[in-house]
N, C-alpha and C. Protein backbone atom coordinates (compact mmCIF):
# COMPACT_ATOMS: atom_id res chain seq x y z
N MET A 1 -5.66 -7.53 -12.32
CA MET A 1 -6.25 -7.73 -11.08
C MET A 1 -7.49 -6.51 -11.00
N LYS A 2 -8.48 -7.18 -10.31
CA LYS A 2 -9.35 -6.19 -9.65
C LYS A 2 -9.30 -5.80 -8.45
N VAL A 3 -9.09 -4.53 -8.08
CA VAL A 3 -8.91 -3.87 -6.82
C VAL A 3 -10.05 -3.13 -6.50
N CYS A 4 -10.26 -2.83 -5.36
CA CYS A 4 -10.93 -1.85 -4.50
C CYS A 4 -10.19 -0.91 -3.73
N ILE A 5 -10.59 0.30 -3.51
CA ILE A 5 -9.90 1.25 -2.75
C ILE A 5 -11.41 2.28 -1.95
N GLY A 6 -11.53 1.59 -1.26
CA GLY A 6 -12.85 2.13 -0.56
C GLY A 6 -14.04 1.71 -1.45
N GLU A 7 -14.67 2.64 -2.02
CA GLU A 7 -16.06 2.48 -2.96
C GLU A 7 -15.64 2.41 -4.23
N VAL A 8 -14.14 2.73 -4.77
CA VAL A 8 -13.79 3.05 -5.89
C VAL A 8 -13.42 1.57 -6.67
N THR A 9 -13.98 0.72 -7.80
CA THR A 9 -13.20 -0.31 -7.88
C THR A 9 -12.16 -0.21 -9.28
N LEU A 10 -10.99 -1.10 -9.09
CA LEU A 10 -10.49 -0.30 -10.94
C LEU A 10 -10.06 -1.82 -11.04
N SER A 11 -10.03 -1.73 -12.41
CA SER A 11 -9.73 -3.03 -13.31
C SER A 11 -8.80 -3.14 -14.00
N ASP A 12 -7.88 -4.60 -14.02
CA ASP A 12 -7.04 -4.65 -14.79
C ASP A 12 -5.63 -3.62 -14.19
N PHE A 13 -5.64 -3.79 -12.99
CA PHE A 13 -4.29 -3.31 -12.26
C PHE A 13 -3.22 -4.10 -11.74
N ASP A 14 -1.92 -4.10 -12.03
CA ASP A 14 -1.04 -4.57 -11.67
C ASP A 14 -0.77 -4.50 -10.17
N VAL A 15 -0.51 -5.60 -9.38
CA VAL A 15 -0.19 -4.87 -7.69
C VAL A 15 0.70 -5.49 -7.40
N GLU A 16 1.85 -4.65 -7.00
CA GLU A 16 3.17 -4.86 -6.18
C GLU A 16 2.85 -5.06 -4.72
N MET A 17 3.15 -6.02 -4.07
CA MET A 17 2.96 -6.21 -2.81
C MET A 17 4.68 -6.35 -1.67
N ARG A 18 4.60 -5.37 -0.92
CA ARG A 18 5.63 -5.75 -0.23
C ARG A 18 5.45 -6.14 1.18
N MET A 19 6.10 -6.86 1.81
CA MET A 19 5.71 -7.35 3.28
C MET A 19 7.08 -6.86 4.00
N GLU A 20 7.19 -6.18 5.06
CA GLU A 20 8.25 -6.31 5.87
C GLU A 20 8.05 -6.13 7.16
N TYR A 21 9.27 -7.37 8.14
CA TYR A 21 8.76 -7.40 9.36
C TYR A 21 9.55 -6.48 10.06
N ARG A 22 9.10 -6.18 11.49
CA ARG A 22 9.91 -5.15 12.28
C ARG A 22 10.63 -6.02 13.08
N LEU A 23 12.27 -5.60 12.88
CA LEU A 23 13.49 -5.97 13.37
C LEU A 23 14.03 -5.29 14.34
N GLY A 24 14.28 -6.14 15.56
CA GLY A 24 15.34 -5.15 16.49
C GLY A 24 16.72 -5.72 16.28
N ARG A 25 17.47 -5.08 16.87
CA ARG A 25 18.98 -5.38 16.90
C ARG A 25 19.20 -5.37 18.59
N ARG A 26 20.08 -6.27 18.92
CA ARG A 26 20.43 -6.09 20.30
C ARG A 26 22.00 -6.31 20.22
N ILE A 27 22.85 -5.37 20.97
CA ILE A 27 24.40 -5.40 20.79
C ILE A 27 24.78 -5.39 22.30
N GLU A 28 25.23 -6.73 22.64
CA GLU A 28 25.77 -6.68 24.39
C GLU A 28 27.47 -6.42 24.49
N GLU A 29 27.90 -5.48 25.44
CA GLU A 29 29.13 -5.43 25.27
C GLU A 29 29.92 -6.80 25.63
N GLY A 30 31.01 -6.99 25.24
CA GLY A 30 31.69 -7.94 25.66
C GLY A 30 31.69 -9.11 24.84
N ARG A 31 30.45 -9.36 23.83
CA ARG A 31 30.16 -10.34 22.99
C ARG A 31 30.35 -10.26 21.69
N GLN A 32 30.84 -11.08 20.95
CA GLN A 32 30.98 -11.21 19.32
C GLN A 32 29.73 -11.03 18.54
N GLY A 33 29.61 -10.13 18.02
CA GLY A 33 28.24 -10.08 16.82
C GLY A 33 27.40 -9.40 17.54
N ASP A 34 25.95 -9.53 17.35
CA ASP A 34 24.74 -8.66 17.77
C ASP A 34 23.80 -10.18 17.55
N ASP A 35 22.69 -9.94 18.33
CA ASP A 35 21.21 -10.55 17.93
C ASP A 35 20.30 -9.94 17.61
N ILE A 36 19.84 -10.56 16.19
CA ILE A 36 18.63 -9.70 15.49
C ILE A 36 17.35 -10.61 16.07
N LEU A 37 16.36 -9.60 16.08
CA LEU A 37 15.06 -10.00 17.25
C LEU A 37 14.08 -9.68 16.14
N LEU A 38 13.36 -10.77 15.94
CA LEU A 38 11.98 -10.58 15.19
C LEU A 38 11.11 -10.57 16.11
N GLU A 39 10.65 -9.06 16.02
CA GLU A 39 9.74 -8.69 16.83
C GLU A 39 8.15 -8.92 16.89
N GLY A 40 8.20 -9.68 15.45
CA GLY A 40 6.64 -10.09 14.95
C GLY A 40 5.63 -9.23 14.37
N ARG A 41 5.98 -7.99 14.29
CA ARG A 41 4.86 -6.84 13.69
C ARG A 41 5.46 -7.09 12.32
N LYS A 42 4.32 -7.16 11.41
CA LYS A 42 4.73 -7.09 9.96
C LYS A 42 3.83 -6.00 9.42
N SER A 43 4.13 -5.42 8.50
CA SER A 43 3.20 -4.10 7.56
C SER A 43 3.50 -4.38 6.07
N PHE A 44 2.56 -4.03 5.40
CA PHE A 44 2.41 -4.08 4.28
C PHE A 44 2.39 -2.97 3.65
N GLU A 45 3.16 -2.79 1.99
CA GLU A 45 3.01 -1.85 1.06
C GLU A 45 2.51 -2.13 -0.28
N PHE A 46 1.75 -1.65 -1.01
CA PHE A 46 1.02 -1.85 -2.09
C PHE A 46 1.30 -0.77 -2.92
N THR A 47 1.66 -1.01 -4.32
CA THR A 47 1.91 -0.48 -5.68
C THR A 47 0.97 -0.64 -6.66
N LEU A 48 0.21 -0.15 -6.96
CA LEU A 48 -0.84 -0.20 -7.89
C LEU A 48 -0.46 0.51 -9.18
N MET A 49 -0.45 -0.11 -10.38
CA MET A 49 -0.51 0.34 -11.63
C MET A 49 -1.60 -0.18 -12.79
N GLY A 50 -1.84 0.81 -13.17
CA GLY A 50 -2.76 0.61 -14.26
C GLY A 50 -3.24 1.80 -15.32
N LYS A 51 -4.28 2.15 -15.83
CA LYS A 51 -5.04 2.99 -16.50
C LYS A 51 -6.29 3.31 -15.77
N LEU A 52 -6.40 4.53 -15.34
CA LEU A 52 -7.63 5.58 -15.11
C LEU A 52 -8.19 6.41 -16.06
N THR A 53 -9.19 6.61 -15.99
CA THR A 53 -10.09 7.88 -16.82
C THR A 53 -9.99 9.09 -15.55
N MET A 54 -9.94 10.41 -16.20
CA MET A 54 -9.97 11.43 -15.28
C MET A 54 -10.90 11.42 -14.20
N ASP A 55 -12.32 10.91 -14.85
CA ASP A 55 -13.37 10.71 -13.52
C ASP A 55 -13.09 9.62 -12.53
N GLN A 56 -12.36 8.51 -12.88
CA GLN A 56 -11.91 7.80 -11.89
C GLN A 56 -10.80 8.29 -10.75
N VAL A 57 -10.11 9.53 -11.32
CA VAL A 57 -9.14 10.04 -10.34
C VAL A 57 -9.77 10.83 -9.72
N LYS A 58 -11.01 11.46 -10.05
CA LYS A 58 -11.58 12.34 -9.11
C LYS A 58 -12.56 11.78 -8.31
N GLN A 59 -12.67 10.56 -8.86
CA GLN A 59 -13.90 9.44 -7.21
C GLN A 59 -12.48 9.36 -6.44
N LEU A 60 -11.27 8.49 -7.11
CA LEU A 60 -10.25 8.44 -5.90
C LEU A 60 -9.98 9.42 -4.94
N GLU A 61 -9.99 10.65 -5.42
CA GLU A 61 -9.24 11.90 -4.86
C GLU A 61 -10.45 11.81 -3.46
N LYS A 62 -12.10 11.95 -4.11
CA LYS A 62 -12.84 11.91 -3.01
C LYS A 62 -12.99 10.60 -1.93
N GLU A 63 -12.64 9.66 -2.31
CA GLU A 63 -12.48 8.30 -1.36
C GLU A 63 -11.21 8.70 -0.58
N ILE A 64 -10.26 8.86 -1.25
CA ILE A 64 -9.24 8.95 -0.34
C ILE A 64 -9.13 10.14 0.92
N SER A 65 -9.76 11.62 0.32
CA SER A 65 -10.30 12.55 1.54
C SER A 65 -11.15 11.75 2.67
N LYS A 66 -11.45 10.59 2.62
CA LYS A 66 -12.62 10.15 3.74
C LYS A 66 -11.65 9.57 4.63
N ARG A 67 -10.42 9.17 4.72
CA ARG A 67 -9.44 8.69 5.35
C ARG A 67 -9.46 7.29 5.64
N GLU A 68 -8.43 6.95 5.46
CA GLU A 68 -8.07 5.38 5.97
C GLU A 68 -8.95 4.49 4.99
N PRO A 69 -9.16 4.72 3.74
CA PRO A 69 -9.81 3.87 2.99
C PRO A 69 -9.59 2.13 3.23
N ILE A 70 -10.23 1.30 2.55
CA ILE A 70 -10.23 -0.18 2.76
C ILE A 70 -9.87 -0.41 1.31
N PHE A 71 -8.37 -1.30 1.36
CA PHE A 71 -7.84 -1.79 0.17
C PHE A 71 -8.23 -3.30 0.10
N ARG A 72 -8.79 -3.62 -0.96
CA ARG A 72 -9.79 -4.85 -1.23
C ARG A 72 -9.35 -5.49 -2.52
N SER A 73 -8.23 -6.73 -2.50
CA SER A 73 -7.67 -7.49 -3.68
C SER A 73 -7.75 -8.84 -3.37
N ASP A 74 -6.94 -9.49 -4.34
CA ASP A 74 -6.60 -11.26 -4.00
C ASP A 74 -5.90 -11.02 -2.78
N PHE A 75 -5.20 -10.21 -2.41
CA PHE A 75 -4.33 -10.43 -1.30
C PHE A 75 -4.75 -10.19 0.18
N GLY A 76 -5.95 -9.92 0.10
CA GLY A 76 -7.29 -9.86 1.32
C GLY A 76 -7.53 -8.24 1.26
N GLU A 77 -7.71 -7.81 2.46
CA GLU A 77 -8.65 -6.48 3.04
C GLU A 77 -7.66 -6.06 3.71
N TYR A 78 -6.97 -4.65 3.83
CA TYR A 78 -6.61 -4.03 4.65
C TYR A 78 -6.83 -2.64 4.57
N LYS A 79 -6.85 -1.94 5.89
CA LYS A 79 -6.95 -0.62 5.76
C LYS A 79 -5.89 0.13 6.05
N VAL A 80 -6.05 1.37 4.70
CA VAL A 80 -4.31 1.78 4.07
C VAL A 80 -4.56 3.35 4.23
N ALA A 81 -3.33 3.88 4.18
CA ALA A 81 -3.24 5.10 3.70
C ALA A 81 -2.57 5.22 2.51
N VAL A 82 -2.86 6.55 1.78
CA VAL A 82 -2.58 6.33 0.44
C VAL A 82 -1.31 7.79 0.42
N LYS A 83 -0.26 6.76 -0.05
CA LYS A 83 1.08 7.59 0.37
C LYS A 83 1.31 8.32 -1.25
N SER A 84 0.64 8.06 -2.30
CA SER A 84 0.77 8.93 -3.08
C SER A 84 0.15 8.48 -4.64
N LEU A 85 -0.46 9.27 -5.32
CA LEU A 85 -1.17 8.91 -6.60
C LEU A 85 -0.46 9.75 -7.74
N ILE A 86 -0.12 9.38 -8.62
CA ILE A 86 0.55 9.58 -10.01
C ILE A 86 -0.26 9.50 -10.95
N TYR A 87 -0.67 10.52 -11.79
CA TYR A 87 -1.37 10.08 -12.97
C TYR A 87 -0.92 10.95 -14.04
N ARG A 88 -0.68 10.31 -15.46
CA ARG A 88 -0.37 10.69 -16.72
C ARG A 88 -1.60 10.91 -17.48
N SER A 89 -1.99 12.47 -17.72
CA SER A 89 -3.19 12.65 -18.28
C SER A 89 -3.06 12.43 -19.74
N ASN A 90 -1.97 12.43 -20.70
CA ASN A 90 -2.08 12.11 -21.82
C ASN A 90 -2.02 10.66 -22.10
N THR A 91 -1.39 9.64 -21.08
CA THR A 91 -1.51 8.00 -21.37
C THR A 91 -2.54 7.63 -20.58
N GLY A 92 -3.18 8.25 -19.46
CA GLY A 92 -3.81 7.48 -18.37
C GLY A 92 -3.34 6.58 -17.27
N GLN A 93 -2.19 6.61 -17.34
CA GLN A 93 -1.40 5.65 -16.79
C GLN A 93 -1.35 6.14 -15.12
N ALA A 94 -1.08 5.22 -14.53
CA ALA A 94 -1.50 5.61 -13.10
C ALA A 94 -0.57 4.95 -12.02
N ALA A 95 0.06 5.30 -11.12
CA ALA A 95 0.52 4.65 -10.29
C ALA A 95 0.02 5.31 -8.39
N ILE A 96 -0.52 4.27 -7.79
CA ILE A 96 -0.83 4.24 -6.55
C ILE A 96 -0.02 3.87 -5.38
N GLU A 97 0.46 4.31 -4.22
CA GLU A 97 1.47 3.72 -3.46
C GLU A 97 0.25 3.57 -2.14
N LEU A 98 0.01 2.70 -1.59
CA LEU A 98 -0.68 2.06 -0.31
C LEU A 98 0.25 1.71 0.96
N VAL A 99 -0.19 2.46 1.71
CA VAL A 99 0.63 1.81 3.00
C VAL A 99 -0.42 1.34 4.23
N GLU A 100 -0.09 0.16 4.39
CA GLU A 100 -1.10 -0.66 5.83
C GLU A 100 -1.16 0.30 6.89
N ASP A 101 -2.06 0.65 7.08
CA ASP A 101 -2.48 1.58 8.75
C ASP A 101 -2.48 0.34 9.72
N VAL A 102 -1.13 0.33 10.50
CA VAL A 102 -1.27 -0.71 11.48
C VAL A 102 -1.82 -0.27 12.80
N ASP A 103 -2.63 -0.51 13.31
CA ASP A 103 -3.22 -0.26 14.69
C ASP A 103 -2.17 -0.51 15.97
């Protein structure tokens, strides 16, 4: 899949998307069990896996340092924080973890 992180475009990346809802739990004394409440807030996390050149790694570092880049893919457009960037120089394999920056 073709993805963009800010101004950097990456081709042929696998994207794993994780969507989570915020849940609340209410336990009242004297009642059996508890109530799970869906608070309606959801957030996304993305893991990108593919190959990068050293120049692309350097471009990504510059883009990340600008703060809160926009991640664009077939999943949509999200303001994100970069949680981690793992790069293996001998193979060019990279893994990038992104977390949606929820306002």
